[in-house]
Full PDB file with SEQRES, HELIX, SHEET, SSBOND, CRYST1, ORIGX, SCALE, CONECT and MASTER records, all heavy atoms in Angstrom:
SEQRES   1 A   42  ARG LEU PHE VAL ALA ALA ILE SER SER SER GLY GLY SER          
SEQRES   2 A   42  THR TYR TYR ALA ASP SER VAL LYS GLY ARG PHE THR ILE          
SEQRES   3 A   42  SER ARG ASP ASN ALA LYS ASN THR VAL SER LEU GLN MET          
SEQRES   4 A   42  ASN SER LEU                                                  
SHEET    1 AA1 2 ALA A   5  ILE A   7  0                                        
SHEET    2 AA1 2 THR A  14  TYR A  16 -1                                        
SHEET    1 AA2 2 PHE A  24  ASP A  29  0                                        
SHEET    2 AA2 2 THR A  34  MET A  39 -1                                        
CRYST1    1.000    1.000    1.000  90.00  90.00  90.00 P 1           1          
ORIGX1      1.000000  0.000000  0.000000        0.00000                         
ORIGX2      0.000000  1.000000  0.000000        0.00000                         
ORIGX3      0.000000  0.000000  1.000000        0.00000                         
SCALE1      1.000000  0.000000  0.000000        0.00000                         
SCALE2      0.000000  1.000000  0.000000        0.00000                         
SCALE3      0.000000  0.000000  1.000000        0.00000                         
ATOM      1  N   ARG A   1     125.037 191.150 -56.244  1.00  0.00           N  
ATOM      2  CA  ARG A   1     124.826 191.813 -57.522  1.00  0.00           C  
ATOM      3  C   ARG A   1     123.918 190.930 -58.383  1.00  0.00           C  
ATOM      4  O   ARG A   1     124.196 189.754 -58.598  1.00  0.00           O  
ATOM      5  CB  ARG A   1     126.166 192.041 -58.205  1.00  0.00           C  
ATOM      6  CG  ARG A   1     126.121 192.983 -59.370  1.00  0.00           C  
ATOM      7  CD  ARG A   1     127.510 193.374 -59.828  1.00  0.00           C  
ATOM      8  NE  ARG A   1     128.230 194.118 -58.801  1.00  0.00           N  
ATOM      9  CZ  ARG A   1     129.392 194.725 -58.996  1.00  0.00           C  
ATOM     10  NH1 ARG A   1     129.980 194.670 -60.191  1.00  0.00           N  
ATOM     11  NH2 ARG A   1     129.984 195.370 -58.026  1.00  0.00           N  
ATOM     12  N   LEU A   2     122.841 191.525 -58.889  1.00  0.00           N  
ATOM     13  CA  LEU A   2     121.827 190.780 -59.616  1.00  0.00           C  
ATOM     14  C   LEU A   2     121.740 191.211 -61.076  1.00  0.00           C  
ATOM     15  O   LEU A   2     121.872 192.402 -61.386  1.00  0.00           O  
ATOM     16  CB  LEU A   2     120.459 190.956 -58.956  1.00  0.00           C  
ATOM     17  CG  LEU A   2     120.327 190.449 -57.513  1.00  0.00           C  
ATOM     18  CD1 LEU A   2     118.941 190.793 -56.985  1.00  0.00           C  
ATOM     19  CD2 LEU A   2     120.578 188.958 -57.431  1.00  0.00           C  
ATOM     20  N   PHE A   3     121.461 190.261 -61.915  1.00  0.00           N  
ATOM     21  CA  PHE A   3     121.283 190.526 -63.336  1.00  0.00           C  
ATOM     22  C   PHE A   3     119.998 191.325 -63.576  1.00  0.00           C  
ATOM     23  O   PHE A   3     118.958 191.052 -62.960  1.00  0.00           O  
ATOM     24  CB  PHE A   3     121.208 189.207 -64.087  1.00  0.00           C  
ATOM     25  CG  PHE A   3     120.796 189.329 -65.525  1.00  0.00           C  
ATOM     26  CD1 PHE A   3     121.692 189.784 -66.480  1.00  0.00           C  
ATOM     27  CD2 PHE A   3     119.509 189.016 -65.916  1.00  0.00           C  
ATOM     28  CE1 PHE A   3     121.316 189.905 -67.804  1.00  0.00           C  
ATOM     29  CE2 PHE A   3     119.116 189.128 -67.230  1.00  0.00           C  
ATOM     30  CZ  PHE A   3     120.020 189.573 -68.187  1.00  0.00           C  
ATOM     31  N   VAL A   4     120.069 192.271 -64.517  1.00  0.00           N  
ATOM     32  CA  VAL A   4     118.902 193.064 -64.893  1.00  0.00           C  
ATOM     33  C   VAL A   4     118.535 192.818 -66.355  1.00  0.00           C  
ATOM     34  O   VAL A   4     117.405 192.450 -66.670  1.00  0.00           O  
ATOM     35  CB  VAL A   4     119.153 194.559 -64.652  1.00  0.00           C  
ATOM     36  CG1 VAL A   4     117.980 195.389 -65.158  1.00  0.00           C  
ATOM     37  CG2 VAL A   4     119.433 194.848 -63.183  1.00  0.00           C  
ATOM     38  N   ALA A   5     119.498 193.052 -67.254  1.00  0.00           N  
ATOM     39  CA  ALA A   5     119.220 192.919 -68.684  1.00  0.00           C  
ATOM     40  C   ALA A   5     120.529 192.751 -69.428  1.00  0.00           C  
ATOM     41  O   ALA A   5     121.583 193.150 -68.937  1.00  0.00           O  
ATOM     42  CB  ALA A   5     118.475 194.146 -69.207  1.00  0.00           C  
ATOM     43  N   ALA A   6     120.443 192.167 -70.631  1.00  0.00           N  
ATOM     44  CA  ALA A   6     121.629 191.993 -71.460  1.00  0.00           C  
ATOM     45  C   ALA A   6     121.255 192.124 -72.925  1.00  0.00           C  
ATOM     46  O   ALA A   6     120.104 191.886 -73.311  1.00  0.00           O  
ATOM     47  CB  ALA A   6     122.281 190.637 -71.204  1.00  0.00           C  
ATOM     48  N   ILE A   7     122.247 192.492 -73.718  1.00  0.00           N  
ATOM     49  CA  ILE A   7     122.048 192.630 -75.159  1.00  0.00           C  
ATOM     50  C   ILE A   7     123.283 192.073 -75.862  1.00  0.00           C  
ATOM     51  O   ILE A   7     124.412 192.284 -75.408  1.00  0.00           O  
ATOM     52  CB  ILE A   7     121.775 194.103 -75.528  1.00  0.00           C  
ATOM     53  CG1 ILE A   7     121.369 194.236 -76.988  1.00  0.00           C  
ATOM     54  CG2 ILE A   7     122.972 195.007 -75.194  1.00  0.00           C  
ATOM     55  CD1 ILE A   7     120.757 195.597 -77.325  1.00  0.00           C  
ATOM     56  N   SER A   8     123.048 191.368 -76.951  1.00  0.00           N  
ATOM     57  CA  SER A   8     124.163 190.759 -77.671  1.00  0.00           C  
ATOM     58  C   SER A   8     124.981 191.822 -78.398  1.00  0.00           C  
ATOM     59  O   SER A   8     124.552 192.964 -78.545  1.00  0.00           O  
ATOM     60  CB  SER A   8     123.642 189.725 -78.663  1.00  0.00           C  
ATOM     61  OG  SER A   8     122.786 190.348 -79.601  1.00  0.00           O  
ATOM     62  N   SER A   9     126.152 191.410 -78.856  1.00  0.00           N  
ATOM     63  CA  SER A   9     127.070 192.367 -79.471  1.00  0.00           C  
ATOM     64  C   SER A   9     126.466 193.073 -80.678  1.00  0.00           C  
ATOM     65  O   SER A   9     126.729 194.257 -80.906  1.00  0.00           O  
ATOM     66  CB  SER A   9     128.371 191.658 -79.871  1.00  0.00           C  
ATOM     67  OG  SER A   9     128.094 190.591 -80.757  1.00  0.00           O  
ATOM     68  N   SER A  10     125.652 192.371 -81.425  1.00  0.00           N  
ATOM     69  CA  SER A  10     125.011 192.968 -82.612  1.00  0.00           C  
ATOM     70  C   SER A  10     123.762 193.752 -82.268  1.00  0.00           C  
ATOM     71  O   SER A  10     123.254 194.518 -83.090  1.00  0.00           O  
ATOM     72  CB  SER A  10     124.639 191.875 -83.603  1.00  0.00           C  
ATOM     73  OG  SER A  10     123.610 191.053 -83.073  1.00  0.00           O  
ATOM     74  N   GLY A  11     123.246 193.531 -81.070  1.00  0.00           N  
ATOM     75  CA  GLY A  11     121.977 194.139 -80.683  1.00  0.00           C  
ATOM     76  C   GLY A  11     120.774 193.309 -81.076  1.00  0.00           C  
ATOM     77  O   GLY A  11     119.642 193.701 -80.791  1.00  0.00           O  
ATOM     78  N   GLY A  12     121.007 192.175 -81.694  1.00  0.00           N  
ATOM     79  CA  GLY A  12     119.906 191.366 -82.192  1.00  0.00           C  
ATOM     80  C   GLY A  12     119.195 190.534 -81.145  1.00  0.00           C  
ATOM     81  O   GLY A  12     118.069 190.077 -81.375  1.00  0.00           O  
ATOM     82  N   SER A  13     119.825 190.338 -80.006  1.00  0.00           N  
ATOM     83  CA  SER A  13     119.201 189.539 -78.945  1.00  0.00           C  
ATOM     84  C   SER A  13     119.247 190.298 -77.632  1.00  0.00           C  
ATOM     85  O   SER A  13     120.244 190.958 -77.315  1.00  0.00           O  
ATOM     86  CB  SER A  13     119.943 188.215 -78.774  1.00  0.00           C  
ATOM     87  OG  SER A  13     119.843 187.419 -79.922  1.00  0.00           O  
ATOM     88  N   THR A  14     118.162 190.191 -76.886  1.00  0.00           N  
ATOM     89  CA  THR A  14     118.091 190.802 -75.567  1.00  0.00           C  
ATOM     90  C   THR A  14     117.550 189.781 -74.571  1.00  0.00           C  
ATOM     91  O   THR A  14     116.905 188.795 -74.952  1.00  0.00           O  
ATOM     92  CB  THR A  14     117.201 192.050 -75.540  1.00  0.00           C  
ATOM     93  OG1 THR A  14     115.891 191.689 -75.993  1.00  0.00           O  
ATOM     94  CG2 THR A  14     117.757 193.151 -76.432  1.00  0.00           C  
ATOM     95  N   TYR A  15     117.838 190.047 -73.305  1.00  0.00           N  
ATOM     96  CA  TYR A  15     117.358 189.135 -72.260  1.00  0.00           C  
ATOM     97  C   TYR A  15     117.135 189.951 -71.003  1.00  0.00           C  
ATOM     98  O   TYR A  15     117.914 190.864 -70.709  1.00  0.00           O  
ATOM     99  CB  TYR A  15     118.404 188.045 -72.010  1.00  0.00           C  
ATOM    100  CG  TYR A  15     117.886 186.873 -71.231  1.00  0.00           C  
ATOM    101  CD1 TYR A  15     117.153 185.872 -71.863  1.00  0.00           C  
ATOM    102  CD2 TYR A  15     118.130 186.747 -69.873  1.00  0.00           C  
ATOM    103  CE1 TYR A  15     116.677 184.780 -71.152  1.00  0.00           C  
ATOM    104  CE2 TYR A  15     117.651 185.676 -69.148  1.00  0.00           C  
ATOM    105  CZ  TYR A  15     116.931 184.687 -69.797  1.00  0.00           C  
ATOM    106  OH  TYR A  15     116.452 183.621 -69.085  1.00  0.00           O  
ATOM    107  N   TYR A  16     116.066 189.637 -70.269  1.00  0.00           N  
ATOM    108  CA  TYR A  16     115.693 190.428 -69.095  1.00  0.00           C  
ATOM    109  C   TYR A  16     115.431 189.535 -67.884  1.00  0.00           C  
ATOM    110  O   TYR A  16     114.939 188.409 -68.025  1.00  0.00           O  
ATOM    111  CB  TYR A  16     114.432 191.234 -69.385  1.00  0.00           C  
ATOM    112  CG  TYR A  16     114.582 192.255 -70.473  1.00  0.00           C  
ATOM    113  CD1 TYR A  16     114.287 191.942 -71.791  1.00  0.00           C  
ATOM    114  CD2 TYR A  16     115.026 193.543 -70.184  1.00  0.00           C  
ATOM    115  CE1 TYR A  16     114.434 192.873 -72.809  1.00  0.00           C  
ATOM    116  CE2 TYR A  16     115.173 194.492 -71.189  1.00  0.00           C  
ATOM    117  CZ  TYR A  16     114.882 194.149 -72.493  1.00  0.00           C  
ATOM    118  OH  TYR A  16     115.024 195.084 -73.487  1.00  0.00           O  
ATOM    119  N   ALA A  17     115.705 190.080 -66.729  1.00  0.00           N  
ATOM    120  CA  ALA A  17     115.261 189.444 -65.503  1.00  0.00           C  
ATOM    121  C   ALA A  17     113.742 189.542 -65.426  1.00  0.00           C  
ATOM    122  O   ALA A  17     113.152 190.529 -65.886  1.00  0.00           O  
ATOM    123  CB  ALA A  17     115.898 190.130 -64.301  1.00  0.00           C  
ATOM    124  N   ASP A  18     113.118 188.548 -64.846  1.00  0.00           N  
ATOM    125  CA  ASP A  18     111.658 188.560 -64.754  1.00  0.00           C  
ATOM    126  C   ASP A  18     111.153 189.793 -64.016  1.00  0.00           C  
ATOM    127  O   ASP A  18     110.079 190.311 -64.317  1.00  0.00           O  
ATOM    128  CB  ASP A  18     111.180 187.301 -64.032  1.00  0.00           C  
ATOM    129  CG  ASP A  18     111.307 186.051 -64.887  1.00  0.00           C  
ATOM    130  OD1 ASP A  18     111.469 186.184 -66.122  1.00  0.00           O  
ATOM    131  OD2 ASP A  18     111.269 184.944 -64.317  1.00  0.00           O  
ATOM    132  N   SER A  19     111.924 190.266 -63.061  1.00  0.00           N  
ATOM    133  CA  SER A  19     111.484 191.394 -62.229  1.00  0.00           C  
ATOM    134  C   SER A  19     111.382 192.705 -62.994  1.00  0.00           C  
ATOM    135  O   SER A  19     110.726 193.646 -62.524  1.00  0.00           O  
ATOM    136  CB  SER A  19     112.438 191.564 -61.053  1.00  0.00           C  
ATOM    137  OG  SER A  19     113.756 191.800 -61.511  1.00  0.00           O  
ATOM    138  N   VAL A  20     112.022 192.791 -64.153  1.00  0.00           N  
ATOM    139  CA  VAL A  20     112.009 194.044 -64.909  1.00  0.00           C  
ATOM    140  C   VAL A  20     111.370 193.900 -66.283  1.00  0.00           C  
ATOM    141  O   VAL A  20     111.181 194.898 -66.989  1.00  0.00           O  
ATOM    142  CB  VAL A  20     113.430 194.628 -65.068  1.00  0.00           C  
ATOM    143  CG1 VAL A  20     114.109 194.762 -63.713  1.00  0.00           C  
ATOM    144  CG2 VAL A  20     114.272 193.806 -66.029  1.00  0.00           C  
ATOM    145  N   LYS A  21     111.018 192.690 -66.644  1.00  0.00           N  
ATOM    146  CA  LYS A  21     110.460 192.440 -67.969  1.00  0.00           C  
ATOM    147  C   LYS A  21     109.183 193.245 -68.159  1.00  0.00           C  
ATOM    148  O   LYS A  21     108.304 193.282 -67.297  1.00  0.00           O  
ATOM    149  CB  LYS A  21     110.175 190.939 -68.112  1.00  0.00           C  
ATOM    150  CG  LYS A  21     110.118 190.435 -69.528  1.00  0.00           C  
ATOM    151  CD  LYS A  21     110.048 188.915 -69.550  1.00  0.00           C  
ATOM    152  CE  LYS A  21     111.309 188.276 -69.026  1.00  0.00           C  
ATOM    153  NZ  LYS A  21     111.270 186.797 -69.100  1.00  0.00           N  
ATOM    154  N   GLY A  22     109.095 193.924 -69.295  1.00  0.00           N  
ATOM    155  CA  GLY A  22     107.937 194.763 -69.577  1.00  0.00           C  
ATOM    156  C   GLY A  22     108.069 196.182 -69.052  1.00  0.00           C  
ATOM    157  O   GLY A  22     107.278 197.056 -69.431  1.00  0.00           O  
ATOM    158  N   ARG A  23     109.038 196.438 -68.200  1.00  0.00           N  
ATOM    159  CA  ARG A  23     109.245 197.786 -67.669  1.00  0.00           C  
ATOM    160  C   ARG A  23     110.559 198.399 -68.144  1.00  0.00           C  
ATOM    161  O   ARG A  23     110.660 199.610 -68.332  1.00  0.00           O  
ATOM    162  CB  ARG A  23     109.244 197.759 -66.142  1.00  0.00           C  
ATOM    163  CG  ARG A  23     107.953 197.256 -65.522  1.00  0.00           C  
ATOM    164  CD  ARG A  23     107.962 197.447 -64.009  1.00  0.00           C  
ATOM    165  NE  ARG A  23     109.018 196.683 -63.346  1.00  0.00           N  
ATOM    166  CZ  ARG A  23     109.942 197.237 -62.556  1.00  0.00           C  
ATOM    167  NH1 ARG A  23     109.935 198.538 -62.326  1.00  0.00           N  
ATOM    168  NH2 ARG A  23     110.870 196.478 -61.975  1.00  0.00           N  
ATOM    169  N   PHE A  24     111.570 197.582 -68.317  1.00  0.00           N  
ATOM    170  CA  PHE A  24     112.897 198.049 -68.719  1.00  0.00           C  
ATOM    171  C   PHE A  24     113.185 197.620 -70.151  1.00  0.00           C  
ATOM    172  O   PHE A  24     112.763 196.551 -70.590  1.00  0.00           O  
ATOM    173  CB  PHE A  24     113.980 197.468 -67.814  1.00  0.00           C  
ATOM    174  CG  PHE A  24     113.990 197.966 -66.397  1.00  0.00           C  
ATOM    175  CD1 PHE A  24     112.949 198.729 -65.871  1.00  0.00           C  
ATOM    176  CD2 PHE A  24     115.057 197.661 -65.564  1.00  0.00           C  
ATOM    177  CE1 PHE A  24     112.968 199.183 -64.553  1.00  0.00           C  
ATOM    178  CE2 PHE A  24     115.101 198.102 -64.249  1.00  0.00           C  
ATOM    179  CZ  PHE A  24     114.046 198.861 -63.748  1.00  0.00           C  
ATOM    180  N   THR A  25     113.941 198.446 -70.864  1.00  0.00           N  
ATOM    181  CA  THR A  25     114.361 198.123 -72.223  1.00  0.00           C  
ATOM    182  C   THR A  25     115.843 198.429 -72.383  1.00  0.00           C  
ATOM    183  O   THR A  25     116.274 199.556 -72.107  1.00  0.00           O  
ATOM    184  CB  THR A  25     113.561 198.922 -73.254  1.00  0.00           C  
ATOM    185  OG1 THR A  25     112.165 198.666 -73.089  1.00  0.00           O  
ATOM    186  CG2 THR A  25     113.978 198.544 -74.675  1.00  0.00           C  
ATOM    187  N   ILE A  26     116.584 197.439 -72.834  1.00  0.00           N  
ATOM    188  CA  ILE A  26     118.008 197.633 -73.097  1.00  0.00           C  
ATOM    189  C   ILE A  26     118.208 197.841 -74.586  1.00  0.00           C  
ATOM    190  O   ILE A  26     117.539 197.222 -75.412  1.00  0.00           O  
ATOM    191  CB  ILE A  26     118.838 196.424 -72.584  1.00  0.00           C  
ATOM    192  CG1 ILE A  26     120.335 196.732 -72.657  1.00  0.00           C  
ATOM    193  CG2 ILE A  26     118.483 195.148 -73.334  1.00  0.00           C  
ATOM    194  CD1 ILE A  26     121.196 195.663 -71.969  1.00  0.00           C  
ATOM    195  N   SER A  27     119.130 198.729 -74.929  1.00  0.00           N  
ATOM    196  CA  SER A  27     119.441 198.995 -76.331  1.00  0.00           C  
ATOM    197  C   SER A  27     120.902 199.401 -76.432  1.00  0.00           C  
ATOM    198  O   SER A  27     121.535 199.724 -75.423  1.00  0.00           O  
ATOM    199  CB  SER A  27     118.535 200.094 -76.901  1.00  0.00           C  
ATOM    200  OG  SER A  27     118.708 201.298 -76.182  1.00  0.00           O  
ATOM    201  N   ARG A  28     121.416 199.386 -77.649  1.00  0.00           N  
ATOM    202  CA  ARG A  28     122.802 199.796 -77.847  1.00  0.00           C  
ATOM    203  C   ARG A  28     122.962 200.513 -79.165  1.00  0.00           C  
ATOM    204  O   ARG A  28     122.186 200.291 -80.102  1.00  0.00           O  
ATOM    205  CB  ARG A  28     123.745 198.597 -77.771  1.00  0.00           C  
ATOM    206  CG  ARG A  28     123.633 197.607 -78.890  1.00  0.00           C  
ATOM    207  CD  ARG A  28     124.480 196.365 -78.612  1.00  0.00           C  
ATOM    208  NE  ARG A  28     125.908 196.656 -78.547  1.00  0.00           N  
ATOM    209  CZ  ARG A  28     126.804 195.861 -77.975  1.00  0.00           C  
ATOM    210  NH1 ARG A  28     126.403 194.727 -77.372  1.00  0.00           N  
ATOM    211  NH2 ARG A  28     128.093 196.166 -77.990  1.00  0.00           N  
ATOM    212  N   ASP A  29     123.961 201.361 -79.232  1.00  0.00           N  
ATOM    213  CA  ASP A  29     124.319 202.067 -80.451  1.00  0.00           C  
ATOM    214  C   ASP A  29     125.805 201.820 -80.673  1.00  0.00           C  
ATOM    215  O   ASP A  29     126.651 202.467 -80.030  1.00  0.00           O  
ATOM    216  CB  ASP A  29     124.016 203.560 -80.308  1.00  0.00           C  
ATOM    217  CG  ASP A  29     124.259 204.329 -81.587  1.00  0.00           C  
ATOM    218  OD1 ASP A  29     125.037 203.857 -82.445  1.00  0.00           O  
ATOM    219  OD2 ASP A  29     123.676 205.416 -81.732  1.00  0.00           O  
ATOM    220  N   ASN A  30     126.133 200.897 -81.554  1.00  0.00           N  
ATOM    221  CA  ASN A  30     127.540 200.532 -81.736  1.00  0.00           C  
ATOM    222  C   ASN A  30     128.345 201.648 -82.417  1.00  0.00           C  
ATOM    223  O   ASN A  30     129.558 201.708 -82.272  1.00  0.00           O  
ATOM    224  CB  ASN A  30     127.645 199.240 -82.533  1.00  0.00           C  
ATOM    225  CG  ASN A  30     127.328 198.019 -81.683  1.00  0.00           C  
ATOM    226  OD1 ASN A  30     127.282 198.089 -80.457  1.00  0.00           O  
ATOM    227  ND2 ASN A  30     127.101 196.884 -82.330  1.00  0.00           N  
ATOM    228  N   ALA A  31     127.669 202.504 -83.137  1.00  0.00           N  
ATOM    229  CA  ALA A  31     128.371 203.630 -83.756  1.00  0.00           C  
ATOM    230  C   ALA A  31     128.827 204.647 -82.717  1.00  0.00           C  
ATOM    231  O   ALA A  31     129.817 205.354 -82.917  1.00  0.00           O  
ATOM    232  CB  ALA A  31     127.467 204.307 -84.781  1.00  0.00           C  
ATOM    233  N   LYS A  32     128.102 204.703 -81.598  1.00  0.00           N  
ATOM    234  CA  LYS A  32     128.432 205.651 -80.534  1.00  0.00           C  
ATOM    235  C   LYS A  32     129.051 204.969 -79.313  1.00  0.00           C  
ATOM    236  O   LYS A  32     129.315 205.623 -78.308  1.00  0.00           O  
ATOM    237  CB  LYS A  32     127.174 206.418 -80.109  1.00  0.00           C  
ATOM    238  CG  LYS A  32     126.592 207.284 -81.208  1.00  0.00           C  
ATOM    239  CD  LYS A  32     125.371 208.051 -80.714  1.00  0.00           C  
ATOM    240  CE  LYS A  32     124.816 208.960 -81.810  1.00  0.00           C  
ATOM    241  NZ  LYS A  32     123.616 209.701 -81.361  1.00  0.00           N  
ATOM    242  N   ASN A  33     129.254 203.654 -79.399  1.00  0.00           N  
ATOM    243  CA  ASN A  33     129.846 202.909 -78.281  1.00  0.00           C  
ATOM    244  C   ASN A  33     129.056 203.085 -76.983  1.00  0.00           C  
ATOM    245  O   ASN A  33     129.632 203.315 -75.908  1.00  0.00           O  
ATOM    246  CB  ASN A  33     131.305 203.329 -78.047  1.00  0.00           C  
ATOM    247  CG  ASN A  33     132.250 202.749 -79.065  1.00  0.00           C  
ATOM    248  OD1 ASN A  33     131.821 202.224 -80.090  1.00  0.00           O  
ATOM    249  ND2 ASN A  33     133.542 202.845 -78.806  1.00  0.00           N  
ATOM    250  N   THR A  34     127.747 202.997 -77.088  1.00  0.00           N  
ATOM    251  CA  THR A  34     126.929 203.174 -75.896  1.00  0.00           C  
ATOM    252  C   THR A  34     125.880 202.069 -75.773  1.00  0.00           C  
ATOM    253  O   THR A  34     125.410 201.520 -76.770  1.00  0.00           O  
ATOM    254  CB  THR A  34     126.203 204.528 -75.895  1.00  0.00           C  
ATOM    255  OG1 THR A  34     125.377 204.607 -77.046  1.00  0.00           O  
ATOM    256  CG2 THR A  34     127.184 205.689 -75.880  1.00  0.00           C  
ATOM    257  N   VAL A  35     125.521 201.776 -74.543  1.00  0.00           N  
ATOM    258  CA  VAL A  35     124.400 200.895 -74.231  1.00  0.00           C  
ATOM    259  C   VAL A  35     123.523 201.628 -73.237  1.00  0.00           C  
ATOM    260  O   VAL A  35     124.028 202.340 -72.362  1.00  0.00           O  
ATOM    261  CB  VAL A  35     124.887 199.537 -73.686  1.00  0.00           C  
ATOM    262  CG1 VAL A  35     125.704 199.693 -72.415  1.00  0.00           C  
ATOM    263  CG2 VAL A  35     123.707 198.597 -73.471  1.00  0.00           C  
ATOM    264  N   SER A  36     122.219 201.489 -73.397  1.00  0.00           N  
ATOM    265  CA  SER A  36     121.275 202.232 -72.560  1.00  0.00           C  
ATOM    266  C   SER A  36     120.297 201.275 -71.899  1.00  0.00           C  
ATOM    267  O   SER A  36     120.054 200.166 -72.388  1.00  0.00           O  
ATOM    268  CB  SER A  36     120.518 203.253 -73.397  1.00  0.00           C  
ATOM    269  OG  SER A  36     121.395 204.201 -73.952  1.00  0.00           O  
ATOM    270  N   LEU A  37     119.740 201.752 -70.801  1.00  0.00           N  
ATOM    271  CA  LEU A  37     118.693 201.014 -70.101  1.00  0.00           C  
ATOM    272  C   LEU A  37     117.578 202.000 -69.795  1.00  0.00           C  
ATOM    273  O   LEU A  37     117.735 202.878 -68.936  1.00  0.00           O  
ATOM    274  CB  LEU A  37     119.219 200.385 -68.819  1.00  0.00           C  
ATOM    275  CG  LEU A  37     118.228 199.489 -68.078  1.00  0.00           C  
ATOM    276  CD1 LEU A  37     117.962 198.219 -68.891  1.00  0.00           C  
ATOM    277  CD2 LEU A  37     118.753 199.129 -66.691  1.00  0.00           C  
ATOM    278  N   GLN A  38     116.488 201.877 -70.520  1.00  0.00           N  
ATOM    279  CA  GLN A  38     115.303 202.702 -70.276  1.00  0.00           C  
ATOM    280  C   GLN A  38     114.473 202.009 -69.203  1.00  0.00           C  
ATOM    281  O   GLN A  38     114.067 200.857 -69.388  1.00  0.00           O  
ATOM    282  CB  GLN A  38     114.484 202.867 -71.553  1.00  0.00           C  
ATOM    283  CG  GLN A  38     113.210 203.656 -71.368  1.00  0.00           C  
ATOM    284  CD  GLN A  38     113.454 205.108 -71.001  1.00  0.00           C  
ATOM    285  OE1 GLN A  38     114.338 205.743 -71.559  1.00  0.00           O  
ATOM    286  NE2 GLN A  38     112.687 205.621 -70.042  1.00  0.00           N  
ATOM    287  N   MET A  39     114.242 202.714 -68.112  1.00  0.00           N  
ATOM    288  CA  MET A  39     113.530 202.134 -66.979  1.00  0.00           C  
ATOM    289  C   MET A  39     112.239 202.901 -66.752  1.00  0.00           C  
ATOM    290  O   MET A  39     112.273 204.098 -66.442  1.00  0.00           O  
ATOM    291  CB  MET A  39     114.401 202.180 -65.727  1.00  0.00           C  
ATOM    292  CG  MET A  39     115.769 201.538 -65.910  1.00  0.00           C  
ATOM    293  SD  MET A  39     116.712 201.433 -64.383  1.00  0.00           S  
ATOM    294  CE  MET A  39     116.908 203.172 -64.009  1.00  0.00           C  
ATOM    295  N   ASN A  40     111.123 202.226 -66.918  1.00  0.00           N  
ATOM    296  CA  ASN A  40     109.801 202.828 -66.723  1.00  0.00           C  
ATOM    297  C   ASN A  40     109.088 202.151 -65.565  1.00  0.00           C  
ATOM    298  O   ASN A  40     109.469 201.069 -65.128  1.00  0.00           O  
ATOM    299  CB  ASN A  40     108.973 202.677 -68.003  1.00  0.00           C  
ATOM    300  CG  ASN A  40     109.591 203.383 -69.191  1.00  0.00           C  
ATOM    301  OD1 ASN A  40     110.253 204.411 -69.044  1.00  0.00           O  
ATOM    302  ND2 ASN A  40     109.378 202.835 -70.377  1.00  0.00           N  
ATOM    303  N   SER A  41     108.049 202.803 -65.094  1.00  0.00           N  
ATOM    304  CA  SER A  41     107.228 202.248 -64.006  1.00  0.00           C  
ATOM    305  C   SER A  41     108.104 201.795 -62.837  1.00  0.00           C  
ATOM    306  O   SER A  41     107.949 200.675 -62.319  1.00  0.00           O  
ATOM    307  CB  SER A  41     106.395 201.078 -64.522  1.00  0.00           C  
ATOM    308  OG  SER A  41     105.556 201.489 -65.584  1.00  0.00           O  
ATOM    309  N   LEU A  42     108.981 202.659 -62.426  1.00  0.00           N  
ATOM    310  CA  LEU A  42     109.947 202.294 -61.392  1.00  0.00           C  
ATOM    311  C   LEU A  42     109.274 202.069 -60.045  1.00  0.00           C  
ATOM    312  O   LEU A  42     108.285 202.737 -59.704  1.00  0.00           O  
ATOM    313  CB  LEU A  42     111.019 203.371 -61.285  1.00  0.00           C  
ATOM    314  CG  LEU A  42     112.070 203.307 -62.396  1.00  0.00           C  
ATOM    315  CD1 LEU A  42     112.835 204.611 -62.511  1.00  0.00           C  
ATOM    316  CD2 LEU A  42     113.032 202.155 -62.173  1.00  0.00           C  
TER     317      LEU A  42                                                      
MASTER        0    0    0    0    4    0    0    6  316    1    0    4          
END                                                                             
């Protein structure tokens, strides 16, 4: 199992694996209790 992306509890910090940097975006909506991963250029 390999790391892809992470986001801090507040959403203020993100971190990506080099293999997905620039193609994937992680985000979260704490009001809706959701975290998303937008994956482009797959």
